[in-house]
């Protein structure tokens, strides 16, 4: 006899519970035995969630916009021998909602990374950043180079390199009316095909069809967590004018020439936000940078995880 026949009703599983269970399966599938930690930062006043796995030299993974940190697990799990620290940026994943108001985003980003390192007792770190995480990593390497051993960037670093352009959907989210409607809709349950459509600009079509349901659910659920869709929109509005990055976020030639930290750009061949041929001229102005390409789109560790991880490992 079923529970319903007996008159037993079960409370629906919360979005956070579903997210945590899905996150746990993704971590385990990629060989990561993660431990959750929380770091309180004074300025900006935020609480940041991190997942740690392994021992060795610390490597901090910084996710792209709207993506939970654990989405980088297929890459992190292929880099053994390190203390892997995976961050949920403020307003991402299970870190509390955050509206990115007040001080310049660049200042806030640097303070968040510094605060996480302080809270974890890390003096110097290797940064692996994707998209937004790549831009934050570059800003931090310029501001506090003594704390950065090296930086590996997978995919174009958001708006830090001249010529980047976001897709139409991201641009629309910054609009006054359409953006508010989209934010409300993002909090509603959606079928997985919607999640796959949302990832279409970031991976190759064959990869999109083969991505596991858990990976799709991670991205869908992360936007349904309370307050996170609004956090996403608030950050986009600070970063973009329409579909282009705000000029203050693009690194100048003088800044590109001033890097002292070793940088490795692992640039996807099919990056739709800034193709490698258009990004390389700016990277060539960085005296400490090396530029390589890898198959796939912005989330290249889904397209060809072994090749992507092998290139990242060279940078470590």
Protein backbone atom coordinates (compact mmCIF):
# COMPACT_ATOMS: atom_id res chain seq x y z
CA UNK A 1 0.00 0.00 0.00
CA UNK A 2 1.38 3.41 -0.93
CA UNK A 3 1.96 6.26 1.47
CA UNK A 4 -0.73 8.31 -0.28
CA UNK A 5 -3.22 5.47 0.16
CA UNK A 6 -2.46 5.51 3.87
CA UNK A 7 -3.13 9.24 3.99
CA UNK A 8 0.53 10.10 4.65
CA UNK A 9 1.72 13.37 3.13
CA UNK A 10 5.37 14.33 2.74
CA UNK A 11 6.54 17.94 2.70
CA UNK A 12 7.95 18.93 -0.68
CA UNK A 13 11.73 18.98 -0.81
CA UNK A 14 13.09 22.52 -0.58
CA UNK A 15 15.13 24.00 -3.42
CA UNK A 16 18.18 24.14 -1.14
CA UNK A 17 17.84 20.48 -0.22
CA UNK A 18 17.56 19.48 -3.87
CA UNK A 19 20.53 21.68 -4.70
CA UNK A 20 22.66 20.14 -1.95
CA UNK A 21 21.80 16.59 -3.02
CA UNK A 22 22.57 17.36 -6.65
CA UNK A 23 25.79 19.11 -5.69
CA UNK A 24 26.85 16.09 -3.66
CA UNK A 25 26.33 13.75 -6.61
CA UNK A 26 28.30 16.03 -8.94
CA UNK A 27 31.17 16.25 -6.44
CA UNK A 28 31.24 12.46 -5.94
CA UNK A 29 31.05 11.79 -9.69
CA UNK A 30 34.23 13.82 -10.09
CA UNK A 31 36.14 12.26 -7.20
CA UNK A 32 35.79 15.20 -4.82
CA UNK A 33 35.24 14.60 -1.11
CA UNK A 34 34.20 18.14 -0.23
CA UNK A 35 33.86 19.81 3.14
CA UNK A 36 31.72 22.92 3.54
CA UNK A 37 33.12 26.02 5.22
CA UNK A 38 31.82 29.54 5.73
CA UNK A 39 33.80 32.77 5.74
CA UNK A 40 32.48 36.06 7.11
CA UNK A 41 33.91 39.15 5.41
CA UNK A 42 33.70 42.61 6.97
CA UNK A 43 33.88 44.73 3.80
CA UNK A 44 31.73 44.21 1.91
CA UNK A 45 29.68 42.65 4.72
CA UNK A 46 29.02 39.24 3.20
CA UNK A 47 29.12 35.58 4.15
CA UNK A 48 30.76 33.35 1.59
CA UNK A 49 30.48 29.58 1.27
CA UNK A 50 33.40 27.47 0.10
CA UNK A 51 33.92 23.77 -0.50
CA UNK A 52 37.33 22.22 0.17
CA UNK A 53 38.83 18.95 -1.03
CA UNK A 54 42.34 17.50 -0.94
CA UNK A 55 45.64 18.70 0.49
CA UNK A 56 48.65 20.52 -0.90
CA UNK A 57 49.23 23.97 -2.31
CA UNK A 58 45.95 25.93 -2.27
CA UNK A 59 44.09 26.46 -5.54
CA UNK A 60 41.02 28.71 -5.50
CA UNK A 61 38.35 28.15 -8.17
CA UNK A 62 36.21 31.21 -8.95
CA UNK A 63 33.02 30.54 -10.87
CA UNK A 64 31.42 32.42 -13.73
CA UNK A 65 28.37 34.61 -13.28
CA UNK A 66 25.18 32.78 -12.20
CA UNK A 67 27.08 29.46 -11.99
CA UNK A 68 27.49 27.62 -8.69
CA UNK A 69 31.06 26.89 -7.75
CA UNK A 70 30.61 23.11 -7.91
CA UNK A 71 29.90 23.39 -11.64
CA UNK A 72 33.70 23.47 -12.02
CA UNK A 73 33.97 20.02 -10.40
CA UNK A 74 34.85 18.21 -13.68
CA UNK A 75 37.94 20.42 -13.85
CA UNK A 76 38.81 20.44 -10.14
CA UNK A 77 38.48 16.67 -9.90
CA UNK A 78 41.17 16.24 -12.57
CA UNK A 79 43.75 18.28 -10.62
CA UNK A 80 44.88 16.04 -7.73
CA UNK A 81 47.64 16.92 -5.31
CA UNK A 82 46.29 20.32 -4.33
CA UNK A 83 44.11 21.85 -1.65
CA UNK A 84 41.12 22.60 -3.86
CA UNK A 85 38.96 25.50 -2.68
CA UNK A 86 35.73 26.05 -4.63
CA UNK A 87 33.93 29.30 -3.90
CA UNK A 88 30.31 30.31 -4.26
CA UNK A 89 30.70 34.02 -4.93
CA UNK A 90 28.29 36.34 -3.07
CA UNK A 91 24.85 35.90 -4.58
CA UNK A 92 25.82 32.56 -6.15
CA UNK A 93 25.13 28.98 -5.17
CA UNK A 94 24.49 28.69 -1.44
CA UNK A 95 26.24 31.91 -0.49
CA UNK A 96 23.56 34.35 0.70
CA UNK A 97 21.95 36.73 -1.81
CA UNK A 98 23.94 39.88 -2.51
CA UNK A 99 22.95 42.88 -4.63
CA UNK A 100 26.43 44.27 -5.49
CA UNK A 101 25.50 47.84 -4.58
CA UNK A 102 27.72 50.63 -3.29
CA UNK A 103 31.47 50.46 -3.93
CA UNK A 104 32.81 49.67 -7.41
CA UNK A 105 32.47 45.99 -8.32
CA UNK A 106 36.24 45.78 -8.80
CA UNK A 107 36.87 46.91 -5.24
CA UNK A 108 34.28 44.49 -3.88
CA UNK A 109 35.71 41.58 -5.89
CA UNK A 110 39.23 42.17 -4.56
CA UNK A 111 37.95 42.43 -1.00
CA UNK A 112 35.90 39.23 -1.31
CA UNK A 113 38.88 37.20 -2.52
CA UNK A 114 41.17 38.69 0.10
CA UNK A 115 38.57 38.04 2.79
CA UNK A 116 38.19 34.40 1.77
CA UNK A 117 41.95 33.87 1.83
CA UNK A 118 42.19 35.53 5.24
CA UNK A 119 39.32 33.47 6.59
CA UNK A 120 40.92 30.23 5.39
CA UNK A 121 44.40 31.18 6.60
CA UNK A 122 45.90 31.22 3.09
CA UNK A 123 48.79 33.62 2.49
CA UNK A 124 49.33 32.92 -1.21
CA UNK A 125 47.15 31.08 -3.70
CA UNK A 126 46.81 29.93 -7.27
CA UNK A 127 43.62 31.27 -8.86
CA UNK A 128 41.62 29.40 -11.49
CA UNK A 129 38.89 31.64 -12.82
CA UNK A 130 36.20 31.22 -15.45
CA UNK A 131 34.47 34.18 -17.13
CA UNK A 132 33.46 36.48 -14.24
CA UNK A 133 35.83 34.52 -12.01
CA UNK A 134 38.60 35.17 -14.51
CA UNK A 135 38.00 38.91 -14.41
CA UNK A 136 37.92 38.88 -10.61
CA UNK A 137 41.20 36.90 -10.63
CA UNK A 138 42.90 39.43 -12.90
CA UNK A 139 41.74 42.32 -10.74
CA UNK A 140 43.07 40.59 -7.63
CA UNK A 141 46.41 39.76 -9.27
CA UNK A 142 46.85 43.44 -10.15
CA UNK A 143 45.82 44.71 -6.73
CA UNK A 144 47.54 42.14 -4.49
CA UNK A 145 50.20 40.34 -6.56
CA UNK A 146 52.14 39.15 -3.50
CA UNK A 147 49.20 36.90 -2.58
CA UNK A 148 48.96 35.25 -6.00
CA UNK A 149 51.33 32.48 -7.07
CA UNK A 150 49.81 32.28 -10.54
CA UNK A 151 46.50 32.64 -12.38
CA UNK A 152 44.92 30.24 -14.84
CA UNK A 153 41.99 31.61 -16.82
CA UNK A 154 39.60 29.23 -18.56
CA UNK A 155 37.52 31.08 -21.12
CA UNK A 156 37.47 34.79 -21.80
CA UNK A 157 37.54 36.72 -18.52
CA UNK A 158 34.13 38.42 -18.74
CA UNK A 159 34.69 42.07 -19.73
CA UNK A 160 38.33 42.39 -18.72
CA UNK A 161 39.64 41.95 -22.28
CA UNK A 162 38.53 44.40 -24.97
CA UNK A 163 36.00 43.13 -27.51
CA UNK A 164 33.84 40.87 -25.32
CA UNK A 165 30.09 40.84 -25.92
CA UNK A 166 27.41 38.92 -24.02
CA UNK A 167 24.46 37.11 -25.57
CA UNK A 168 21.06 38.71 -26.13
CA UNK A 169 19.47 37.09 -23.07
CA UNK A 170 22.03 38.54 -20.66
CA UNK A 171 21.63 41.95 -22.23
CA UNK A 172 17.86 41.79 -21.90
CA UNK A 173 18.08 40.93 -18.20
CA UNK A 174 19.65 44.33 -17.56
CA UNK A 175 16.67 46.13 -19.12
CA UNK A 176 14.26 47.83 -16.66
CA UNK A 177 11.00 45.95 -17.38
CA UNK A 178 12.04 42.81 -19.26
CA UNK A 179 14.78 42.20 -16.72
CA UNK A 180 12.42 42.26 -13.77
CA UNK A 181 10.05 39.84 -15.50
CA UNK A 182 12.92 37.51 -16.38
CA UNK A 183 14.10 37.60 -12.77
CA UNK A 184 10.67 36.50 -11.54
CA UNK A 185 10.43 33.74 -14.15
CA UNK A 186 13.87 32.40 -13.24
CA UNK A 187 12.56 31.54 -9.79
CA UNK A 188 9.86 29.22 -11.18
CA UNK A 189 10.38 25.48 -11.81
CA UNK A 190 11.57 24.88 -15.37
CA UNK A 191 11.94 21.70 -17.43
CA UNK A 192 15.46 20.54 -18.18
CA UNK A 193 15.27 21.48 -21.84
CA UNK A 194 15.09 25.12 -20.70
CA UNK A 195 18.25 24.57 -18.67
CA UNK A 196 19.98 23.08 -21.70
CA UNK A 197 18.93 26.05 -23.82
CA UNK A 198 20.38 28.38 -21.20
CA UNK A 199 23.78 26.65 -21.45
CA UNK A 200 23.78 26.71 -25.26
CA UNK A 201 26.20 29.68 -25.54
CA UNK A 202 28.76 27.97 -23.27
CA UNK A 203 29.29 24.48 -24.74
CA UNK A 204 29.26 22.71 -28.11
CA UNK A 205 25.92 21.33 -29.36
CA UNK A 206 27.00 17.69 -28.96
CA UNK A 207 28.11 18.38 -25.39
CA UNK A 208 24.84 20.12 -24.60
CA UNK A 209 22.89 16.99 -25.54
CA UNK A 210 25.10 14.73 -23.42
CA UNK A 211 25.42 16.81 -20.23
CA UNK A 212 24.11 14.92 -17.23
CA UNK A 213 20.76 15.84 -15.70
CA UNK A 214 22.60 16.74 -12.49
CA UNK A 215 24.69 19.40 -14.26
CA UNK A 216 21.55 20.86 -15.83
CA UNK A 217 19.70 20.77 -12.51
CA UNK A 218 22.57 22.54 -10.74
CA UNK A 219 22.22 25.57 -12.98
CA UNK A 220 18.42 25.57 -12.85
CA UNK A 221 18.26 25.17 -9.08
CA UNK A 222 20.94 27.77 -8.39
CA UNK A 223 18.71 30.44 -9.94
CA UNK A 224 15.70 29.24 -7.93
CA UNK A 225 17.47 29.61 -4.59
CA UNK A 226 15.89 32.55 -2.70
CA UNK A 227 17.29 35.88 -3.82
CA UNK A 228 19.85 34.55 -6.29
CA UNK A 229 18.06 35.59 -9.49
CA UNK A 230 17.89 39.16 -8.18
CA UNK A 231 21.57 38.94 -7.20
CA UNK A 232 22.42 37.86 -10.75
CA UNK A 233 20.52 40.75 -12.31
CA UNK A 234 22.03 43.30 -9.93
CA UNK A 235 25.54 42.17 -10.86
CA UNK A 236 24.80 42.18 -14.59
CA UNK A 237 23.54 45.76 -14.30
CA UNK A 238 26.83 46.79 -12.65
CA UNK A 239 28.90 45.04 -15.33
CA UNK A 240 27.12 45.80 -18.60
CA UNK A 241 25.69 48.49 -20.79
CA UNK A 242 23.33 46.53 -22.98
CA UNK A 243 25.43 43.68 -24.35
CA UNK A 244 28.86 45.22 -23.83
CA UNK A 245 31.03 45.53 -20.70
CA UNK A 246 31.18 48.87 -18.98
CA UNK A 247 34.40 50.64 -20.03
CA UNK A 248 35.77 50.83 -16.49
CA UNK A 249 35.96 47.02 -16.33
CA UNK A 250 38.10 46.61 -19.47
CA UNK A 251 41.80 46.47 -18.63
CA UNK A 252 43.80 49.27 -20.22
CA UNK A 253 47.02 48.70 -22.16
CA UNK A 254 48.93 50.10 -19.18
CA UNK A 255 47.27 47.62 -16.83
CA UNK A 256 47.92 44.73 -19.20
CA UNK A 257 51.60 45.67 -19.33
CA UNK A 258 51.85 45.94 -15.53
CA UNK A 259 51.14 42.30 -14.58
CA UNK A 260 53.92 40.62 -12.60
CA UNK A 261 52.06 37.37 -11.77
CA UNK A 262 52.37 34.42 -14.21
CA UNK A 263 49.15 34.07 -16.21
CA UNK A 264 47.95 31.19 -18.37
CA UNK A 265 45.00 31.83 -20.67
CA UNK A 266 43.30 28.56 -21.65
CA UNK A 267 41.04 29.99 -24.35
CA UNK A 268 38.24 27.82 -25.81
CA UNK A 269 38.26 27.62 -29.58
CA UNK A 270 34.48 28.14 -29.74
CA UNK A 271 34.17 30.87 -27.10
CA UNK A 272 31.09 32.76 -28.28
CA UNK A 273 31.65 35.75 -26.03
CA UNK A 274 35.11 36.57 -27.40
CA UNK A 275 36.83 34.29 -29.96
CA UNK A 276 40.50 33.53 -29.26
CA UNK A 277 41.68 35.38 -32.35
CA UNK A 278 40.11 38.58 -30.99
CA UNK A 279 41.34 38.08 -27.42
CA UNK A 280 44.95 37.17 -28.15
CA UNK A 281 46.15 40.66 -29.22
CA UNK A 282 45.31 41.98 -25.75
CA UNK A 283 46.87 38.98 -24.01
CA UNK A 284 50.04 39.53 -26.04
CA UNK A 285 50.45 42.85 -24.25
CA UNK A 286 50.85 41.04 -20.89
CA UNK A 287 54.54 40.30 -20.28
CA UNK A 288 53.85 37.36 -17.95
CA UNK A 289 51.07 35.68 -19.95
CA UNK A 290 50.97 32.49 -21.98
CA UNK A 291 48.10 31.79 -24.39
CA UNK A 292 46.83 28.34 -25.40
CA UNK A 293 43.57 27.14 -26.91
CA UNK A 294 41.39 24.19 -25.97
CA UNK A 295 38.41 22.59 -27.71
CA UNK A 296 34.93 23.73 -26.76
CA UNK A 297 33.04 26.73 -25.50
CA UNK A 298 33.27 28.98 -22.44
CA UNK A 299 32.73 25.99 -20.10
CA UNK A 300 35.44 23.99 -21.87
CA UNK A 301 35.77 21.43 -19.06
CA UNK A 302 32.39 20.04 -20.15
CA UNK A 303 33.39 19.80 -23.82
CA UNK A 304 36.81 18.16 -23.41
CA UNK A 305 37.52 17.77 -19.71
CA UNK A 306 40.76 15.82 -20.07
CA UNK A 307 42.32 18.24 -22.54
CA UNK A 308 41.18 21.28 -20.58
CA UNK A 309 42.48 19.86 -17.29
CA UNK A 310 45.81 18.88 -18.86
CA UNK A 311 46.37 22.46 -20.02
CA UNK A 312 45.34 23.89 -16.67
CA UNK A 313 47.68 21.44 -14.92
CA UNK A 314 50.58 22.81 -16.96
CA UNK A 315 49.81 26.22 -15.52
CA UNK A 316 49.95 24.83 -11.98
